Amino acid sequence: MVSLRTGSGYNFFLIKSNDKRPLSFHNKEGYHQPAFCILVEDRQAVFKSLKAINVEFGDIVLRDRDSCGTDLEILDPDGNKFQLCQQ
């Protein structure tokens, strides 16, 4: 289990499960859509801290969303996709 604590005092848990329900989906245009996005102040720092505790990652894509900021899209080893978003 990985626990992430926000500056506002919220906790976000990543818990390994044998359940194979995906946490991401393909939208009607075929884009592999993350089920959620985590808004962070420094996406690279969060990514480095997750790597430091041996969180495993699959594909990693950095996307520039112009005025919406940048997203770091991460696939976990099970194919679930999530984003670290920074404005």
N, C-alpha and C. Protein backbone atom coordinates (compact mmCIF):
# COMPACT_ATOMS: atom_id res chain seq x y z
N MET A 1 0.85 -1.17 0.00
CA MET A 1 0.00 0.00 0.00
C MET A 1 0.89 1.24 0.00
N VAL A 2 0.47 2.23 -0.75
CA VAL A 2 1.14 3.52 -0.78
C VAL A 2 0.14 4.56 -0.30
N SER A 3 0.56 5.41 0.61
CA SER A 3 -0.29 6.47 1.12
C SER A 3 0.29 7.82 0.72
N LEU A 4 -0.52 8.65 0.09
CA LEU A 4 -0.11 10.00 -0.28
C LEU A 4 -0.93 10.97 0.54
N ARG A 5 -0.26 11.91 1.19
CA ARG A 5 -0.97 12.90 2.02
C ARG A 5 -0.84 14.26 1.36
N THR A 6 -1.96 14.93 1.19
CA THR A 6 -1.95 16.25 0.55
C THR A 6 -1.62 17.32 1.58
N GLY A 7 -1.28 18.50 1.08
CA GLY A 7 -1.01 19.62 1.96
C GLY A 7 -2.25 20.06 2.73
N SER A 8 -3.42 19.71 2.23
CA SER A 8 -4.68 20.06 2.88
C SER A 8 -5.10 19.03 3.92
N GLY A 9 -4.28 17.98 4.08
CA GLY A 9 -4.59 16.97 5.07
C GLY A 9 -5.37 15.77 4.57
N TYR A 10 -5.62 15.71 3.26
CA TYR A 10 -6.32 14.55 2.70
C TYR A 10 -5.33 13.42 2.43
N ASN A 11 -5.80 12.19 2.53
CA ASN A 11 -4.97 11.04 2.20
C ASN A 11 -5.51 10.35 0.96
N PHE A 12 -4.59 9.84 0.17
CA PHE A 12 -4.92 9.09 -1.04
C PHE A 12 -4.15 7.79 -0.96
N PHE A 13 -4.85 6.66 -1.05
CA PHE A 13 -4.21 5.36 -0.88
C PHE A 13 -4.20 4.58 -2.19
N LEU A 14 -3.07 3.97 -2.50
CA LEU A 14 -2.96 3.02 -3.60
C LEU A 14 -2.79 1.65 -2.95
N ILE A 15 -3.78 0.80 -3.14
CA ILE A 15 -3.80 -0.49 -2.45
C ILE A 15 -3.83 -1.62 -3.47
N LYS A 16 -2.90 -2.55 -3.35
CA LYS A 16 -2.85 -3.70 -4.26
C LYS A 16 -4.05 -4.60 -3.98
N SER A 17 -4.65 -5.08 -5.07
CA SER A 17 -5.85 -5.90 -4.97
C SER A 17 -5.80 -7.02 -6.00
N ASN A 18 -6.46 -8.12 -5.72
CA ASN A 18 -6.60 -9.19 -6.70
C ASN A 18 -7.76 -8.93 -7.65
N ASP A 19 -8.58 -7.93 -7.35
CA ASP A 19 -9.71 -7.55 -8.19
C ASP A 19 -9.17 -6.91 -9.47
N LYS A 20 -9.65 -7.30 -10.60
CA LYS A 20 -9.11 -6.82 -11.88
C LYS A 20 -9.98 -5.76 -12.55
N ARG A 21 -10.76 -5.02 -11.81
CA ARG A 21 -11.56 -3.94 -12.40
C ARG A 21 -10.63 -2.77 -12.73
N PRO A 22 -10.69 -2.28 -13.96
CA PRO A 22 -9.78 -1.19 -14.33
C PRO A 22 -10.19 0.14 -13.70
N LEU A 23 -9.20 0.97 -13.45
CA LEU A 23 -9.43 2.31 -12.92
C LEU A 23 -9.34 3.35 -14.03
N SER A 24 -9.33 2.89 -15.27
CA SER A 24 -9.31 3.78 -16.41
C SER A 24 -10.20 3.17 -17.49
N PHE A 25 -10.49 3.95 -18.52
CA PHE A 25 -11.40 3.47 -19.55
C PHE A 25 -11.08 4.15 -20.87
N HIS A 26 -11.64 3.65 -21.96
CA HIS A 26 -11.50 4.29 -23.27
C HIS A 26 -12.79 5.07 -23.55
N ASN A 27 -12.63 6.36 -23.86
CA ASN A 27 -13.81 7.17 -24.15
C ASN A 27 -14.31 6.89 -25.57
N LYS A 28 -15.37 7.55 -26.00
CA LYS A 28 -15.98 7.25 -27.30
C LYS A 28 -15.06 7.57 -28.48
N GLU A 29 -14.05 8.43 -28.26
CA GLU A 29 -13.08 8.73 -29.31
C GLU A 29 -11.92 7.72 -29.30
N GLY A 30 -11.92 6.81 -28.32
CA GLY A 30 -10.88 5.80 -28.24
C GLY A 30 -9.70 6.18 -27.37
N TYR A 31 -9.75 7.38 -26.74
CA TYR A 31 -8.66 7.81 -25.88
C TYR A 31 -8.69 7.03 -24.56
N HIS A 32 -7.55 6.54 -24.13
CA HIS A 32 -7.43 5.83 -22.85
C HIS A 32 -7.48 6.87 -21.74
N GLN A 33 -8.63 7.02 -21.14
CA GLN A 33 -8.95 8.09 -20.18
C GLN A 33 -8.69 7.65 -18.75
N PRO A 34 -7.91 8.42 -17.99
CA PRO A 34 -7.76 8.10 -16.57
C PRO A 34 -9.07 8.34 -15.83
N ALA A 35 -9.33 7.54 -14.81
CA ALA A 35 -10.54 7.71 -14.02
C ALA A 35 -10.44 8.93 -13.11
N PHE A 36 -9.22 9.35 -12.80
CA PHE A 36 -9.04 10.51 -11.93
C PHE A 36 -7.71 11.18 -12.22
N CYS A 37 -7.62 12.43 -11.79
CA CYS A 37 -6.40 13.22 -11.94
C CYS A 37 -6.06 13.80 -10.57
N ILE A 38 -4.80 13.74 -10.21
CA ILE A 38 -4.35 14.29 -8.94
C ILE A 38 -3.67 15.62 -9.22
N LEU A 39 -4.23 16.72 -8.72
CA LEU A 39 -3.66 18.04 -8.91
C LEU A 39 -2.53 18.24 -7.90
N VAL A 40 -1.33 18.51 -8.40
CA VAL A 40 -0.15 18.66 -7.55
C VAL A 40 0.56 19.96 -7.87
N GLU A 41 1.36 20.44 -6.93
CA GLU A 41 2.14 21.64 -7.18
C GLU A 41 3.39 21.34 -8.00
N ASP A 42 3.98 20.17 -7.80
CA ASP A 42 5.21 19.80 -8.50
C ASP A 42 5.14 18.33 -8.91
N ARG A 43 4.67 18.07 -10.12
CA ARG A 43 4.46 16.69 -10.55
C ARG A 43 5.74 15.88 -10.58
N GLN A 44 6.87 16.52 -10.93
CA GLN A 44 8.14 15.79 -10.97
C GLN A 44 8.56 15.37 -9.56
N ALA A 45 8.35 16.22 -8.57
CA ALA A 45 8.71 15.88 -7.19
C ALA A 45 7.86 14.72 -6.69
N VAL A 46 6.56 14.74 -7.00
CA VAL A 46 5.67 13.64 -6.59
C VAL A 46 6.10 12.35 -7.27
N PHE A 47 6.39 12.43 -8.57
CA PHE A 47 6.82 11.25 -9.31
C PHE A 47 8.12 10.68 -8.72
N LYS A 48 9.07 11.55 -8.43
CA LYS A 48 10.34 11.09 -7.84
C LYS A 48 10.13 10.45 -6.47
N SER A 49 9.23 11.01 -5.67
CA SER A 49 8.99 10.42 -4.34
C SER A 49 8.32 9.06 -4.45
N LEU A 50 7.45 8.87 -5.44
CA LEU A 50 6.84 7.55 -5.65
C LEU A 50 7.89 6.55 -6.13
N LYS A 51 8.77 6.98 -7.02
CA LYS A 51 9.84 6.09 -7.48
C LYS A 51 10.77 5.72 -6.33
N ALA A 52 11.01 6.66 -5.43
CA ALA A 52 11.92 6.43 -4.30
C ALA A 52 11.41 5.34 -3.36
N ILE A 53 10.09 5.13 -3.32
CA ILE A 53 9.56 4.07 -2.47
C ILE A 53 9.17 2.84 -3.29
N ASN A 54 9.78 2.75 -4.49
CA ASN A 54 9.66 1.57 -5.36
C ASN A 54 8.27 1.32 -5.92
N VAL A 55 7.48 2.38 -6.12
CA VAL A 55 6.21 2.22 -6.83
C VAL A 55 6.55 1.91 -8.28
N GLU A 56 5.94 0.86 -8.83
CA GLU A 56 6.24 0.45 -10.20
C GLU A 56 5.33 1.18 -11.18
N PHE A 57 5.92 1.56 -12.31
CA PHE A 57 5.18 2.28 -13.35
C PHE A 57 5.36 1.59 -14.68
N GLY A 58 4.37 1.74 -15.53
CA GLY A 58 4.48 1.29 -16.92
C GLY A 58 4.85 2.48 -17.77
N ASP A 59 4.07 2.75 -18.82
CA ASP A 59 4.33 3.88 -19.71
C ASP A 59 4.11 5.20 -18.99
N ILE A 60 4.95 6.18 -19.33
CA ILE A 60 4.84 7.51 -18.74
C ILE A 60 4.85 8.52 -19.89
N VAL A 61 3.86 9.41 -19.92
CA VAL A 61 3.75 10.40 -20.99
C VAL A 61 3.56 11.77 -20.36
N LEU A 62 4.36 12.75 -20.80
CA LEU A 62 4.21 14.13 -20.35
C LEU A 62 3.44 14.89 -21.42
N ARG A 63 2.32 15.51 -21.04
CA ARG A 63 1.50 16.25 -22.00
C ARG A 63 1.40 17.71 -21.57
N ASP A 64 1.61 18.60 -22.54
CA ASP A 64 1.45 20.03 -22.31
C ASP A 64 0.03 20.41 -22.72
N ARG A 65 -0.76 20.92 -21.79
CA ARG A 65 -2.16 21.28 -22.04
C ARG A 65 -2.34 22.79 -22.16
N ASP A 66 -1.32 23.47 -22.64
CA ASP A 66 -1.33 24.93 -22.80
C ASP A 66 -1.74 25.61 -21.50
N SER A 67 -2.84 26.37 -21.51
CA SER A 67 -3.25 27.13 -20.32
C SER A 67 -3.74 26.24 -19.18
N CYS A 68 -4.01 24.97 -19.47
CA CYS A 68 -4.46 24.04 -18.42
C CYS A 68 -3.29 23.43 -17.66
N GLY A 69 -2.07 23.72 -18.06
CA GLY A 69 -0.90 23.18 -17.37
C GLY A 69 -0.37 21.94 -18.06
N THR A 70 0.37 21.15 -17.31
CA THR A 70 0.96 19.92 -17.85
C THR A 70 0.48 18.72 -17.05
N ASP A 71 0.35 17.61 -17.72
CA ASP A 71 -0.08 16.36 -17.10
C ASP A 71 1.02 15.32 -17.27
N LEU A 72 1.26 14.58 -16.23
CA LEU A 72 2.13 13.42 -16.31
C LEU A 72 1.20 12.22 -16.25
N GLU A 73 1.01 11.54 -17.39
CA GLU A 73 0.12 10.38 -17.44
C GLU A 73 0.93 9.13 -17.16
N ILE A 74 0.45 8.33 -16.23
CA ILE A 74 1.19 7.16 -15.77
C ILE A 74 0.31 5.93 -15.87
N LEU A 75 0.85 4.87 -16.45
CA LEU A 75 0.19 3.57 -16.44
C LEU A 75 0.85 2.72 -15.37
N ASP A 76 0.04 2.15 -14.48
CA ASP A 76 0.63 1.24 -13.50
C ASP A 76 0.83 -0.12 -14.16
N PRO A 77 1.50 -1.05 -13.48
CA PRO A 77 1.77 -2.36 -14.09
C PRO A 77 0.53 -3.13 -14.52
N ASP A 78 -0.64 -2.81 -13.96
CA ASP A 78 -1.88 -3.49 -14.34
C ASP A 78 -2.61 -2.78 -15.48
N GLY A 79 -2.04 -1.68 -15.99
CA GLY A 79 -2.66 -0.96 -17.10
C GLY A 79 -3.62 0.14 -16.68
N ASN A 80 -3.75 0.41 -15.38
CA ASN A 80 -4.58 1.51 -14.92
C ASN A 80 -3.84 2.82 -15.17
N LYS A 81 -4.56 3.81 -15.61
CA LYS A 81 -3.95 5.09 -15.96
C LYS A 81 -4.39 6.16 -14.98
N PHE A 82 -3.43 6.98 -14.54
CA PHE A 82 -3.79 8.14 -13.74
C PHE A 82 -2.89 9.30 -14.13
N GLN A 83 -3.28 10.49 -13.73
CA GLN A 83 -2.54 11.69 -14.10
C GLN A 83 -2.11 12.45 -12.86
N LEU A 84 -0.91 13.00 -12.94
CA LEU A 84 -0.47 14.02 -12.00
C LEU A 84 -0.53 15.32 -12.78
N CYS A 85 -1.42 16.23 -12.38
CA CYS A 85 -1.65 17.47 -13.12
C CYS A 85 -1.05 18.64 -12.36
N GLN A 86 -0.35 19.49 -13.09
CA GLN A 86 0.27 20.67 -12.50
C GLN A 86 -0.11 21.87 -13.34
N GLN A 87 -0.59 22.93 -12.68
CA GLN A 87 -0.94 24.16 -13.41
C GLN A 87 0.16 25.17 -13.31
